């Protein structure tokens, strides 16, 4: 493989400027992206959209082909499009022990290649994924239930942004140490002690990526690329309901690695039927030294407690909270919140759940509004946003699984329903299960057991509190205890905003203030916004920061004495 690599394309030279810009963007936190988010013909070309859709349709009902991929047998088709039809795709079956063995064999030349080469190959993989964005978008849409435009953006360019961000952090962290140094220590008598030293970044071992059903690429790419660039082979374990987006990713990665002269088994697909235990088995394997996981709090906690041999990076769930105190743009506040609750039917780990507002109400440019009046106004804003079925379907997408349906049914029985969840007919997919958000009115004193559990999906609560001060204390207490991925505050009072910032710092959660326009609390921008925080229980990592990459490798040294020239000893 090493000889082949010497004749392979120089992907680092091809992408060096891109990598340097990515490192600079992560340092400055300014807006930057190399991957256009618009699925426009003028951006991606006349043929990109129809070719991507055709590739997706050609895959339906056929075995997925991964040339040279190890394993025996197939995993039977299980994926069902939330838009009402089975995908009918089978995948290669690779047992946990065989996966680990194949990954370990692949790593030697990859480790020797060094950070520059690894970063260059990763950047080339991302470039090819970007070229396949339309095919991946259809795969994401029909495994997650996202509407197409969101599937294109979040599953394609935005996911690629997060992947490149991780590449940049991993590359920079490894380059922070010199590759070699000459050490010279003067002595009282005789010549100096001189040694040549080499410093080599070495991956921890096999990396396991356990992906989620709702955002398989957006949440999966950071761990995949952080591990790969730091010298680790990666086992990609998709959610059984969303295999195709990551299977396409694995195929592109393997093709690129082979072209670069490396063993394609550096990236392997590990699929299983629903109810399988491969993720747990692999997570405890002694050779699996890194685990990336997005999903339920229950399994995330289990991983953190039991995968002791590995560095574990988790994104779980929490109580995303909004504190309402006052506003000078009430209409903008309602519109912004309504969209945040509706986007992808609330099936985002960042969707607001608990809306805290003093029972006596808040001051607005439209006059004072009590908690009950605010709840009614929010319901009206949702009605306005989702009144047109075609527009509603493009915002809501489809319900991804029965777990979300069950929570919707249960939520209809708690508190006082202000706005029930209602079905929406999809103009293109009549069998799609499209639902509007449910909003219920709760009280901070009597309904604590309800709102201190996570209701993943289109369920949100308007919770009456004693005061804004009480709301901020609840934010602090509930997030510290149960975690959150996002928090927000609306106030025209600088003292309240300062207190909210302090509460968010105490709770360990990222905060958005006075969002009334086209920036939403449940969306974040790579290279600028941090996503998740190990400072509260909802996550064990941040996408992306230095801590997300530095635990994936060690710097090992070798050293040898340098012979001192005879004339120096004379």
Protein backbone atom coordinates (compact mmCIF):
# COMPACT_ATOMS: atom_id res chain seq x y z
CA UNK A 1 0.00 0.00 0.00
CA UNK A 2 2.84 2.40 0.73
CA UNK A 3 4.21 2.11 -2.83
CA UNK A 4 0.74 2.69 -4.23
CA UNK A 5 0.38 5.75 -2.03
CA UNK A 6 3.59 7.19 -3.46
CA UNK A 7 2.01 7.11 -6.94
CA UNK A 8 -1.41 8.34 -5.79
CA UNK A 9 -2.86 11.82 -6.31
CA UNK A 10 -1.56 14.46 -3.91
CA UNK A 11 -4.86 15.34 -2.29
CA UNK A 12 -3.14 17.46 0.35
CA UNK A 13 -1.66 19.74 -2.31
CA UNK A 14 -5.07 19.91 -3.97
CA UNK A 15 -6.86 20.93 -0.77
CA UNK A 16 -4.19 22.69 1.27
CA UNK A 17 -5.69 26.16 0.75
CA UNK A 18 -9.13 24.84 1.73
CA UNK A 19 -7.72 23.30 4.91
CA UNK A 20 -5.91 26.50 5.85
CA UNK A 21 -9.10 28.52 5.32
CA UNK A 22 -11.03 26.05 7.47
CA UNK A 23 -8.53 26.39 10.32
CA UNK A 24 -8.65 30.17 10.02
CA UNK A 25 -12.47 30.20 10.02
CA UNK A 26 -12.65 28.04 13.14
CA UNK A 27 -10.24 30.41 14.86
CA UNK A 28 -12.05 33.61 13.86
CA UNK A 29 -15.61 32.18 14.23
CA UNK A 30 -16.68 34.26 11.21
CA UNK A 31 -19.11 33.05 8.57
CA UNK A 32 -17.45 30.79 6.01
CA UNK A 33 -18.39 27.73 4.01
CA UNK A 34 -16.96 26.08 0.90
CA UNK A 35 -20.13 24.05 0.30
CA UNK A 36 -23.10 26.05 -1.10
CA UNK A 37 -26.35 25.26 0.72
CA UNK A 38 -28.70 26.12 -2.16
CA UNK A 39 -29.84 23.18 -4.32
CA UNK A 40 -29.75 25.47 -7.32
CA UNK A 41 -28.89 24.55 -10.90
CA UNK A 42 -26.73 27.66 -11.07
CA UNK A 43 -24.64 26.33 -8.18
CA UNK A 44 -24.45 22.59 -8.76
CA UNK A 45 -25.13 22.43 -12.50
CA UNK A 46 -28.09 21.54 -14.70
CA UNK A 47 -27.68 17.78 -14.35
CA UNK A 48 -26.87 17.42 -10.64
CA UNK A 49 -30.46 17.29 -9.37
CA UNK A 50 -31.92 14.82 -11.90
CA UNK A 51 -28.84 12.59 -11.77
CA UNK A 52 -28.93 12.52 -7.96
CA UNK A 53 -32.62 11.62 -7.91
CA UNK A 54 -32.11 8.96 -10.57
CA UNK A 55 -29.25 7.38 -8.60
CA UNK A 56 -31.43 7.24 -5.51
CA UNK A 57 -34.37 5.67 -7.38
CA UNK A 58 -32.11 3.11 -9.05
CA UNK A 59 -30.95 1.96 -5.62
CA UNK A 60 -34.46 1.25 -4.31
CA UNK A 61 -35.19 -2.46 -4.09
CA UNK A 62 -31.62 -3.50 -4.84
CA UNK A 63 -28.69 -4.78 -2.76
CA UNK A 64 -26.28 -1.99 -1.89
CA UNK A 65 -22.89 -2.58 -3.48
CA UNK A 66 -19.67 -1.93 -1.57
CA UNK A 67 -16.86 -3.33 -3.70
CA UNK A 68 -14.23 -5.22 -1.69
CA UNK A 69 -16.08 -4.76 1.59
CA UNK A 70 -15.45 -7.70 3.94
CA UNK A 71 -18.22 -9.76 5.47
CA UNK A 72 -20.58 -12.59 4.72
CA UNK A 73 -24.24 -12.48 3.85
CA UNK A 74 -26.64 -9.55 3.79
CA UNK A 75 -28.75 -7.59 6.24
CA UNK A 76 -32.35 -7.85 5.05
CA UNK A 77 -34.18 -4.71 3.90
CA UNK A 78 -35.65 -2.82 6.85
CA UNK A 79 -35.67 0.89 5.97
CA UNK A 80 -39.10 2.45 5.47
CA UNK A 81 -39.48 5.91 4.01
CA UNK A 82 -41.54 8.11 6.34
CA UNK A 83 -43.20 9.22 3.12
CA UNK A 84 -44.94 5.88 2.78
CA UNK A 85 -42.90 3.22 0.98
CA UNK A 86 -40.18 0.65 1.75
CA UNK A 87 -36.69 1.24 0.40
CA UNK A 88 -36.07 -2.49 0.03
CA UNK A 89 -32.26 -2.22 0.20
CA UNK A 90 -30.07 -4.93 1.71
CA UNK A 91 -26.56 -4.25 2.97
CA UNK A 92 -23.39 -6.30 3.58
CA UNK A 93 -23.32 -8.06 6.94
CA UNK A 94 -20.11 -7.67 8.93
CA UNK A 95 -19.92 -9.15 12.43
CA UNK A 96 -18.33 -7.09 15.23
CA UNK A 97 -15.22 -9.28 15.56
CA UNK A 98 -14.65 -9.36 11.81
CA UNK A 99 -15.12 -5.60 11.60
CA UNK A 100 -12.54 -4.90 14.30
CA UNK A 101 -10.06 -7.35 12.78
CA UNK A 102 -10.36 -5.82 9.30
CA UNK A 103 -10.05 -2.28 10.66
CA UNK A 104 -6.91 -3.09 12.63
CA UNK A 105 -5.20 -4.60 9.59
CA UNK A 106 -5.84 -1.45 7.58
CA UNK A 107 -4.21 1.11 9.84
CA UNK A 108 -0.43 0.74 9.32
CA UNK A 109 0.17 2.81 6.16
CA UNK A 110 -2.49 5.32 7.24
CA UNK A 111 -0.63 6.00 10.46
CA UNK A 112 2.67 6.36 8.62
CA UNK A 113 1.15 8.81 6.12
CA UNK A 114 1.03 11.65 8.64
CA UNK A 115 -1.47 14.44 9.35
CA UNK A 116 -1.06 16.30 6.05
CA UNK A 117 -1.83 13.30 3.88
CA UNK A 118 -4.71 12.18 6.08
CA UNK A 119 -6.26 15.66 6.07
CA UNK A 120 -5.89 15.87 2.29
CA UNK A 121 -7.66 12.54 1.77
CA UNK A 122 -10.44 13.59 4.13
CA UNK A 123 -10.91 16.86 2.26
CA UNK A 124 -11.15 14.93 -1.01
CA UNK A 125 -13.79 12.61 0.49
CA UNK A 126 -15.79 15.67 1.48
CA UNK A 127 -15.43 17.19 -1.99
CA UNK A 128 -16.85 14.01 -3.52
CA UNK A 129 -19.65 13.90 -0.95
CA UNK A 130 -20.49 17.46 -1.89
CA UNK A 131 -20.72 16.43 -5.54
CA UNK A 132 -23.14 13.67 -4.45
CA UNK A 133 -25.28 16.01 -2.35
CA UNK A 134 -28.49 15.46 -4.34
CA UNK A 135 -28.34 11.67 -4.08
CA UNK A 136 -27.54 11.94 -0.37
CA UNK A 137 -30.41 14.41 0.07
CA UNK A 138 -32.94 11.93 -1.29
CA UNK A 139 -31.44 9.23 0.94
CA UNK A 140 -31.73 11.51 3.98
CA UNK A 141 -35.28 12.58 3.08
CA UNK A 142 -36.51 9.02 2.74
CA UNK A 143 -34.89 7.67 5.88
CA UNK A 144 -35.42 10.58 8.28
CA UNK A 145 -38.61 12.24 7.06
CA UNK A 146 -36.98 15.63 6.56
CA UNK A 147 -38.47 17.70 3.75
CA UNK A 148 -36.25 17.70 0.66
CA UNK A 149 -34.71 21.17 0.97
CA UNK A 150 -33.84 20.56 4.62
CA UNK A 151 -32.50 17.10 3.75
CA UNK A 152 -30.30 18.65 1.07
CA UNK A 153 -28.95 21.36 3.36
CA UNK A 154 -28.64 19.51 6.68
CA UNK A 155 -27.76 16.15 5.15
CA UNK A 156 -25.44 17.58 2.52
CA UNK A 157 -23.55 20.91 2.68
CA UNK A 158 -24.19 21.62 6.37
CA UNK A 159 -23.07 18.10 7.30
CA UNK A 160 -20.03 18.53 5.08
CA UNK A 161 -19.28 21.83 6.86
CA UNK A 162 -19.31 20.02 10.20
CA UNK A 163 -17.10 17.28 8.76
CA UNK A 164 -14.57 19.78 7.44
CA UNK A 165 -14.64 21.65 10.73
CA UNK A 166 -13.62 18.44 12.49
CA UNK A 167 -10.89 17.84 9.88
CA UNK A 168 -9.53 21.34 10.52
CA UNK A 169 -9.42 20.87 14.29
CA UNK A 170 -7.84 17.41 13.97
CA UNK A 171 -5.24 18.57 11.46
CA UNK A 172 -4.29 21.66 13.47
CA UNK A 173 -4.06 19.73 16.76
CA UNK A 174 -1.63 17.21 15.28
CA UNK A 175 0.44 19.92 13.61
CA UNK A 176 0.82 21.76 16.91
CA UNK A 177 3.79 19.50 17.68
CA UNK A 178 6.89 19.56 15.45
CA UNK A 179 7.57 16.40 13.50
CA UNK A 180 11.23 16.40 14.56
CA UNK A 181 13.65 18.32 16.76
CA UNK A 182 17.35 18.30 17.64
CA UNK A 183 17.88 18.48 21.39
CA UNK A 184 21.18 19.81 22.68
CA UNK A 185 22.00 20.08 26.37
CA UNK A 186 25.28 21.82 27.27
CA UNK A 187 27.61 20.04 29.71
CA UNK A 188 30.20 21.49 32.10
CA UNK A 189 32.84 19.24 30.64
CA UNK A 190 33.01 17.92 27.16
CA UNK A 191 30.61 18.47 24.37
CA UNK A 192 26.88 18.88 24.60
CA UNK A 193 24.47 15.98 24.85
CA UNK A 194 22.78 15.93 21.48
CA UNK A 195 19.78 13.86 20.44
CA UNK A 196 17.50 13.72 17.43
CA UNK A 197 13.85 13.26 18.32
CA UNK A 198 10.84 12.40 16.19
CA UNK A 199 7.23 13.03 17.21
CA UNK A 200 4.46 11.00 15.59
CA UNK A 201 0.71 11.46 16.14
CA UNK A 202 -0.78 8.00 16.62
CA UNK A 203 -4.47 7.14 16.71
CA UNK A 204 -5.91 5.54 19.82
CA UNK A 205 -7.31 2.54 17.96
CA UNK A 206 -10.50 1.46 16.27
CA UNK A 207 -13.21 4.14 16.25
CA UNK A 208 -16.92 3.31 16.42
CA UNK A 209 -19.54 5.71 15.07
CA UNK A 210 -23.08 4.93 16.31
CA UNK A 211 -25.36 7.15 14.26
CA UNK A 212 -28.92 8.36 14.80
CA UNK A 213 -32.15 8.05 12.81
CA UNK A 214 -32.87 11.76 12.34
CA UNK A 215 -29.55 13.37 11.32
CA UNK A 216 -27.26 10.53 10.24
CA UNK A 217 -24.76 12.67 8.31
CA UNK A 218 -24.92 15.99 10.20
CA UNK A 219 -24.30 14.27 13.52
CA UNK A 220 -22.16 11.49 12.04
CA UNK A 221 -19.58 13.33 9.96
CA UNK A 222 -17.76 15.14 12.80
CA UNK A 223 -16.78 11.92 14.59
CA UNK A 224 -16.08 10.06 11.35
CA UNK A 225 -13.64 12.67 10.05
CA UNK A 226 -12.09 13.57 13.41
CA UNK A 227 -11.18 9.93 13.96
CA UNK A 228 -10.02 9.29 10.42
CA UNK A 229 -7.70 12.32 10.26
CA UNK A 230 -6.17 11.48 13.65
CA UNK A 231 -5.13 8.08 12.31
CA UNK A 232 -7.95 5.77 13.40
CA UNK A 233 -9.95 3.31 11.30
CA UNK A 234 -13.70 3.90 11.63
CA UNK A 235 -16.57 1.45 11.97
CA UNK A 236 -19.75 3.17 10.81
CA UNK A 237 -22.78 1.71 12.60
CA UNK A 238 -25.92 3.37 11.17
CA UNK A 239 -29.32 3.40 12.82
CA UNK A 240 -31.33 0.55 11.22
CA UNK A 241 -33.88 3.09 10.00
CA UNK A 242 -31.33 5.34 8.29
CA UNK A 243 -28.60 3.21 6.74
CA UNK A 244 -28.54 4.54 3.18
CA UNK A 245 -27.07 8.05 3.80
CA UNK A 246 -24.09 6.58 5.65
CA UNK A 247 -23.74 3.64 3.26
CA UNK A 248 -23.32 6.16 0.44
CA UNK A 249 -20.79 8.02 2.60
CA UNK A 250 -18.82 4.84 3.32
CA UNK A 251 -18.73 3.98 -0.39
CA UNK A 252 -17.32 7.41 -1.30
CA UNK A 253 -14.77 7.21 1.52
CA UNK A 254 -13.60 3.73 0.51
CA UNK A 255 -13.25 4.70 -3.15
CA UNK A 256 -11.21 7.76 -2.22
CA UNK A 257 -8.97 5.89 0.20
CA UNK A 258 -8.25 3.22 -2.41
CA UNK A 259 -7.44 5.84 -5.04
CA UNK A 260 -5.07 7.49 -2.55
CA UNK A 261 -3.25 4.17 -2.12
CA UNK A 262 -4.63 3.15 1.26
CA UNK A 263 -6.59 0.17 2.46
CA UNK A 264 -10.31 1.01 2.03
CA UNK A 265 -11.06 -1.02 5.14
CA UNK A 266 -10.10 2.08 7.09
CA UNK A 267 -13.84 2.85 6.78
CA UNK A 268 -16.27 -0.03 7.22
CA UNK A 269 -20.06 -0.29 7.31
CA UNK A 270 -21.52 -2.32 10.16
CA UNK A 271 -25.25 -2.84 9.64
CA UNK A 272 -27.75 -4.86 11.63
CA UNK A 273 -31.48 -5.45 11.86
CA UNK A 274 -33.60 -3.51 14.38
CA UNK A 275 -33.14 -4.86 17.89
CA UNK A 276 -29.58 -6.00 17.25
CA UNK A 277 -26.84 -5.54 19.83
CA UNK A 278 -23.81 -4.85 17.60
CA UNK A 279 -23.41 -1.29 18.88
CA UNK A 280 -23.19 -2.45 22.50
CA UNK A 281 -20.93 -5.38 21.61
CA UNK A 282 -18.55 -3.18 19.64
CA UNK A 283 -18.55 -0.44 22.26
CA UNK A 284 -17.13 -2.87 24.83
CA UNK A 285 -14.58 -4.49 22.49
CA UNK A 286 -11.08 -3.94 23.93
CA UNK A 287 -9.75 -2.75 20.57
CA UNK A 288 -12.47 -0.13 20.14
CA UNK A 289 -10.87 2.93 21.71
CA UNK A 290 -13.17 5.73 20.48
CA UNK A 291 -16.97 5.86 20.45
CA UNK A 292 -19.10 8.59 18.88
CA UNK A 293 -22.81 8.37 19.64
CA UNK A 294 -25.92 10.40 18.91
CA UNK A 295 -29.25 9.21 20.24
CA UNK A 296 -31.16 8.38 23.39
CA UNK A 297 -30.04 9.49 26.82
CA UNK A 298 -30.45 5.93 28.08
CA UNK A 299 -27.94 4.37 25.69
CA UNK A 300 -25.66 7.40 25.82
CA UNK A 301 -25.46 7.13 29.61
CA UNK A 302 -24.80 3.40 29.30
CA UNK A 303 -21.91 4.05 26.92
CA UNK A 304 -20.37 6.66 29.20
CA UNK A 305 -20.61 4.32 32.18
CA UNK A 306 -19.53 1.06 30.54
CA UNK A 307 -17.21 1.73 27.57
CA UNK A 308 -14.36 2.47 29.95
CA UNK A 309 -11.61 1.47 27.51
CA UNK A 310 -12.70 4.12 25.03
CA UNK A 311 -12.91 7.88 24.70
CA UNK A 312 -16.68 8.37 24.46
CA UNK A 313 -18.25 11.39 22.73
CA UNK A 314 -22.03 11.62 23.10
CA UNK A 315 -24.90 13.80 22.05
CA UNK A 316 -28.02 12.77 23.92
CA UNK A 317 -31.13 14.77 24.80
CA UNK A 318 -32.33 17.44 27.16
CA UNK A 319 -34.82 20.14 28.05
CA UNK A 320 -34.30 22.94 25.54
CA UNK A 321 -35.63 26.06 27.24
CA UNK A 322 -36.83 29.54 26.29
CA UNK A 323 -37.20 32.31 28.91
CA UNK A 324 -39.75 34.99 27.98
CA UNK A 325 -39.48 38.33 29.79
CA UNK A 326 -40.27 41.15 27.31
CA UNK A 327 -39.89 42.07 23.64
CA UNK A 328 -40.07 45.04 21.32
CA UNK A 329 -40.95 42.77 18.36
CA UNK A 330 -43.76 40.50 19.53
CA UNK A 331 -44.82 39.52 16.03
CA UNK A 332 -41.22 38.61 15.13
CA UNK A 333 -40.84 36.63 18.36
CA UNK A 334 -43.98 34.59 17.65
CA UNK A 335 -43.03 33.95 14.04
CA UNK A 336 -39.51 32.89 14.97
CA UNK A 337 -40.73 30.54 17.72
CA UNK A 338 -43.47 29.07 15.54
CA UNK A 339 -40.93 28.17 12.87
CA UNK A 340 -38.51 26.76 15.45
CA UNK A 341 -41.24 24.48 16.84
CA UNK A 342 -42.41 23.41 13.37
CA UNK A 343 -39.13 22.75 11.54
CA UNK A 344 -38.91 19.00 10.84
CA UNK A 345 -41.87 18.51 13.17
CA UNK A 346 -39.69 19.32 16.17
CA UNK A 347 -37.66 16.14 15.55
CA UNK A 348 -34.41 17.95 16.28
CA UNK A 349 -32.30 17.66 19.41
CA UNK A 350 -32.27 21.48 19.50
CA UNK A 351 -36.03 22.21 19.24
CA UNK A 352 -37.40 24.30 22.15
CA UNK A 353 -39.54 22.29 24.55
CA UNK A 354 -40.07 24.38 27.68
CA UNK A 355 -41.23 27.98 27.19
CA UNK A 356 -41.03 29.73 30.57
CA UNK A 357 -43.17 32.83 31.07
CA UNK A 358 -44.43 34.63 34.19
CA UNK A 359 -48.09 33.78 34.79
CA UNK A 360 -48.96 37.49 34.95
CA UNK A 361 -47.31 37.92 31.57
CA UNK A 362 -44.72 39.95 29.70
CA UNK A 363 -44.50 43.43 28.20
CA UNK A 364 -44.48 43.70 24.41
CA UNK A 365 -44.79 46.34 21.71
CA UNK A 366 -48.34 45.02 21.26
CA UNK A 367 -49.19 45.60 24.91
CA UNK A 368 -48.94 43.27 27.93
CA UNK A 369 -49.61 39.58 27.31
CA UNK A 370 -50.40 37.10 30.06
CA UNK A 371 -49.08 33.55 29.90
CA UNK A 372 -52.45 32.33 28.65
CA UNK A 373 -52.63 35.06 26.03
CA UNK A 374 -49.10 34.29 24.87
CA UNK A 375 -49.99 30.60 24.51
CA UNK A 376 -53.02 31.52 22.40
CA UNK A 377 -50.95 33.92 20.28
CA UNK A 378 -48.32 31.23 19.69
CA UNK A 379 -51.06 28.83 18.58
CA UNK A 380 -52.33 31.47 16.16
CA UNK A 381 -48.80 32.00 14.80
CA UNK A 382 -48.51 28.27 14.18
CA UNK A 383 -51.87 28.28 12.40
CA UNK A 384 -50.69 31.13 10.17
CA UNK A 385 -47.34 29.49 9.38
CA UNK A 386 -48.87 26.08 8.64
CA UNK A 387 -52.16 27.14 7.09
CA UNK A 388 -51.17 26.22 3.54
CA UNK A 389 -50.69 22.41 3.29
CA UNK A 390 -47.93 22.58 0.66
CA UNK A 391 -45.94 25.11 2.67
CA UNK A 392 -46.60 23.18 5.86
CA UNK A 393 -45.33 19.92 4.36
CA UNK A 394 -42.14 21.64 3.23
CA UNK A 395 -41.52 22.82 6.78
CA UNK A 396 -42.77 19.86 8.83
CA UNK A 397 -41.48 16.91 6.84
CA UNK A 398 -42.83 13.58 8.07
CA UNK A 399 -42.93 11.80 11.43
CA UNK A 400 -39.91 9.51 11.55
CA UNK A 401 -41.08 6.65 13.80
CA UNK A 402 -43.65 5.28 16.22
CA UNK A 403 -41.80 6.67 19.24
CA UNK A 404 -42.64 10.21 18.15
CA UNK A 405 -46.27 9.23 17.49
CA UNK A 406 -46.53 7.72 20.94
CA UNK A 407 -45.22 10.87 22.63
CA UNK A 408 -47.67 13.00 20.66
CA UNK A 409 -50.56 10.84 21.84
CA UNK A 410 -49.36 10.98 25.44
CA UNK A 411 -48.79 14.75 25.32
CA UNK A 412 -52.43 15.29 24.38
CA UNK A 413 -53.34 14.03 27.87
CA UNK A 414 -51.14 16.38 29.93
CA UNK A 415 -51.84 19.94 31.01
CA UNK A 416 -54.28 21.96 28.92
CA UNK A 417 -53.85 21.59 25.19
CA UNK A 418 -53.66 25.04 23.64
CA UNK A 419 -53.04 23.81 20.13
CA UNK A 420 -53.55 20.13 19.27
CA UNK A 421 -51.35 18.33 16.79
CA UNK A 422 -53.26 17.91 13.54
CA UNK A 423 -52.51 15.90 10.39
CA UNK A 424 -51.49 17.63 7.17
CA UNK A 425 -51.99 16.09 3.74
CA UNK A 426 -48.74 15.93 1.80
CA UNK A 427 -49.24 17.09 -1.81
CA UNK A 428 -46.74 14.57 -3.23
CA UNK A 429 -46.77 11.66 -0.77
CA UNK A 430 -50.35 10.94 0.38
CA UNK A 431 -49.18 8.15 2.73
CA UNK A 432 -46.77 10.41 4.63
CA UNK A 433 -47.60 11.01 8.29
CA UNK A 434 -47.29 14.80 8.58
CA UNK A 435 -48.25 16.41 11.91
CA UNK A 436 -48.33 19.95 13.24
CA UNK A 437 -46.86 20.80 16.67
CA UNK A 438 -48.79 20.32 19.88
CA UNK A 439 -48.63 23.13 22.44
CA UNK A 440 -49.84 22.53 25.99
CA UNK A 441 -50.17 24.92 28.91
CA UNK A 442 -48.45 23.78 32.11
CA UNK A 443 -47.53 25.30 35.45
CA UNK A 444 -44.10 25.37 37.04
CA UNK A 445 -45.39 24.23 40.42
CA UNK A 446 -47.87 21.45 39.57
CA UNK A 447 -46.46 19.98 36.35
CA UNK A 448 -42.76 19.56 37.09
CA UNK A 449 -42.79 15.82 36.46
CA UNK A 450 -44.16 16.46 32.97
CA UNK A 451 -41.75 19.10 31.69
CA UNK A 452 -38.62 17.66 33.31
CA UNK A 453 -38.62 14.73 30.89
CA UNK A 454 -37.74 15.03 27.21
CA UNK A 455 -40.60 14.89 24.69
CA UNK A 456 -38.67 14.47 21.44
CA UNK A 457 -40.90 15.52 18.56
CA UNK A 458 -43.51 18.23 17.92
CA UNK A 459 -44.38 18.79 21.59
CA UNK A 460 -43.79 22.04 23.47
CA UNK A 461 -45.04 23.48 26.75
CA UNK A 462 -45.89 27.04 27.76
CA UNK A 463 -45.05 26.95 31.47
CA UNK A 464 -46.29 29.61 33.87
CA UNK A 465 -43.77 30.79 36.48
CA UNK A 466 -43.80 33.22 39.42
CA UNK A 467 -41.55 35.74 37.66
CA UNK A 468 -38.69 36.13 35.21
CA UNK A 469 -36.32 35.55 38.10
CA UNK A 470 -38.13 32.29 38.80
CA UNK A 471 -37.90 31.36 35.09
CA UNK A 472 -34.14 31.91 35.10
CA UNK A 473 -33.76 29.82 38.24
CA UNK A 474 -35.75 27.03 36.57
CA UNK A 475 -33.53 27.26 33.51
CA UNK A 476 -30.49 26.90 35.72
CA UNK A 477 -31.89 24.01 37.77
CA UNK A 478 -33.53 21.92 35.06
CA UNK A 479 -30.68 22.15 32.57
CA UNK A 480 -28.07 21.35 35.20
CA UNK A 481 -30.10 18.31 36.24
CA UNK A 482 -31.38 17.07 32.88
CA UNK A 483 -29.29 18.82 30.23
CA UNK A 484 -30.13 20.87 27.14
CA UNK A 485 -28.65 21.50 23.71
CA UNK A 486 -30.10 25.01 23.39
CA UNK A 487 -31.47 27.85 25.50
CA UNK A 488 -32.95 31.21 24.53
CA UNK A 489 -34.15 34.39 26.18
CA UNK A 490 -36.32 37.31 25.06
CA UNK A 491 -35.97 40.57 26.98
CA UNK A 492 -35.59 44.30 26.42
CA UNK A 493 -33.88 44.66 29.80
CA UNK A 494 -30.08 44.48 29.75
CA UNK A 495 -30.02 43.37 33.37
CA UNK A 496 -32.30 40.44 32.54
CA UNK A 497 -30.13 39.51 29.55
CA UNK A 498 -27.03 39.62 31.75
CA UNK A 499 -28.78 37.42 34.32
CA UNK A 500 -29.80 35.01 31.57
CA UNK A 501 -26.21 34.77 30.35
CA UNK A 502 -25.09 34.04 33.90
CA UNK A 503 -27.77 31.37 34.30
CA UNK A 504 -26.75 29.75 31.02
CA UNK A 505 -23.11 29.73 32.09
CA UNK A 506 -24.09 28.12 35.39
CA UNK A 507 -26.20 25.55 33.57
CA UNK A 508 -23.54 24.89 30.91
CA UNK A 509 -25.72 25.58 27.87
CA UNK A 510 -25.35 27.75 24.76
CA UNK A 511 -27.69 30.78 24.77
CA UNK A 512 -29.47 32.74 22.02
CA UNK A 513 -30.91 36.17 22.77
CA UNK A 514 -33.86 37.99 21.17
CA UNK A 515 -34.16 35.93 18.00
CA UNK A 516 -36.96 37.46 15.94
CA UNK A 517 -35.65 37.20 12.37
CA UNK A 518 -34.21 34.46 10.17
CA UNK A 519 -31.78 33.00 12.71
CA UNK A 520 -33.39 30.23 14.76
CA UNK A 521 -32.40 28.70 18.08
CA UNK A 522 -32.46 25.15 16.71
CA UNK A 523 -30.02 25.85 13.88
CA UNK A 524 -26.27 26.34 14.18
CA UNK A 525 -23.52 27.31 11.76
CA UNK A 526 -20.31 25.30 11.48
CA UNK A 527 -17.02 27.13 12.06
CA UNK A 528 -18.88 29.72 14.16
CA UNK A 529 -21.48 28.14 16.45
CA UNK A 530 -20.65 25.43 18.94
CA UNK A 531 -23.17 22.59 19.13
CA UNK A 532 -23.59 20.67 22.36
CA UNK A 533 -21.60 20.99 25.53
CA UNK A 534 -20.08 18.56 27.98
CA UNK A 535 -20.85 21.21 30.61
CA UNK A 536 -24.37 19.76 31.03
CA UNK A 537 -25.78 16.20 30.94
CA UNK A 538 -27.22 16.40 27.40
CA UNK A 539 -23.85 15.82 25.73
CA UNK A 540 -20.35 14.58 26.35
CA UNK A 541 -18.75 16.60 23.57
CA UNK A 542 -18.94 19.80 21.56
CA UNK A 543 -19.14 20.04 17.78
CA UNK A 544 -16.49 21.08 17.32
CA UNK A 545 -13.72 22.19 19.61
CA UNK A 546 -10.19 21.10 20.43
CA UNK A 547 -11.38 18.62 23.05
CA UNK A 548 -13.38 16.82 20.37
CA UNK A 549 -10.17 15.77 18.58
CA UNK A 550 -7.30 15.71 21.06
CA UNK A 551 -8.51 12.57 22.86
CA UNK A 552 -8.43 10.63 19.59
CA UNK A 553 -4.65 10.49 19.26
CA UNK A 554 -1.42 10.50 21.23
CA UNK A 555 1.94 11.93 20.19
CA UNK A 556 4.66 9.30 20.54
CA UNK A 557 8.34 10.05 20.31
CA UNK A 558 11.46 8.22 19.33
CA UNK A 559 14.96 9.56 20.10
CA UNK A 560 18.56 8.67 19.41
CA UNK A 561 21.94 10.20 20.32
CA UNK A 562 23.74 12.21 17.66
CA UNK A 563 27.43 11.41 17.26
CA UNK A 564 29.53 14.49 18.05
CA UNK A 565 32.12 15.35 15.38
CA UNK A 566 35.74 14.63 16.33
CA UNK A 567 36.80 18.24 15.90
CA UNK A 568 34.12 19.29 18.37
CA UNK A 569 35.74 17.03 20.98
CA UNK A 570 39.26 18.19 20.31
